[in-house]
Amino acid sequence: AAALLRQVKAAGVAGSISYAFWEVAFWAASVPVCLVAYHQATGQWPDLSDNEDKAYLGAEAFAFVNLARFVVPVRISLALATTPWVQANVVDRFGIGGGGGGGGGGGGGGGGGGGGG
């Protein structure tokens, strides 16, 4: 995973934006998944005023975070795969990152946009 993170860093601003997107997407999706898993396991939604529910939810969160560590390389790989798209459609289009230090990462991937008029 460390080598993959170095590749994200070498991809510059587009790599960082892409990685941040996939991290936010993963964690945002994980909350409803965990809540549904809790409901499926217990037959009820978590009640944070109940100490037993809080303990069960804490154990589930601990297990999920440990499991989530195993998919870190997948999230980084997704970030690297979408970096050219982010470069062309976010960084270049909106002028993010100014000039200076980005670099690395190879050529853009861009594709032919449409035009036609």
Foldseek 3Di string as FASTA:
>chain_A
DVVLVVQLVLQFPLSVVLLVVLVCVVVVVVVVVLQVVLCVVPVDGQDVVDPVSVVVSVVSVVVVVVVVVVCVVVSSVSSLVCSLVCVVPPCVVVVPPPDDDHHDDDDRPDDDDDDDD
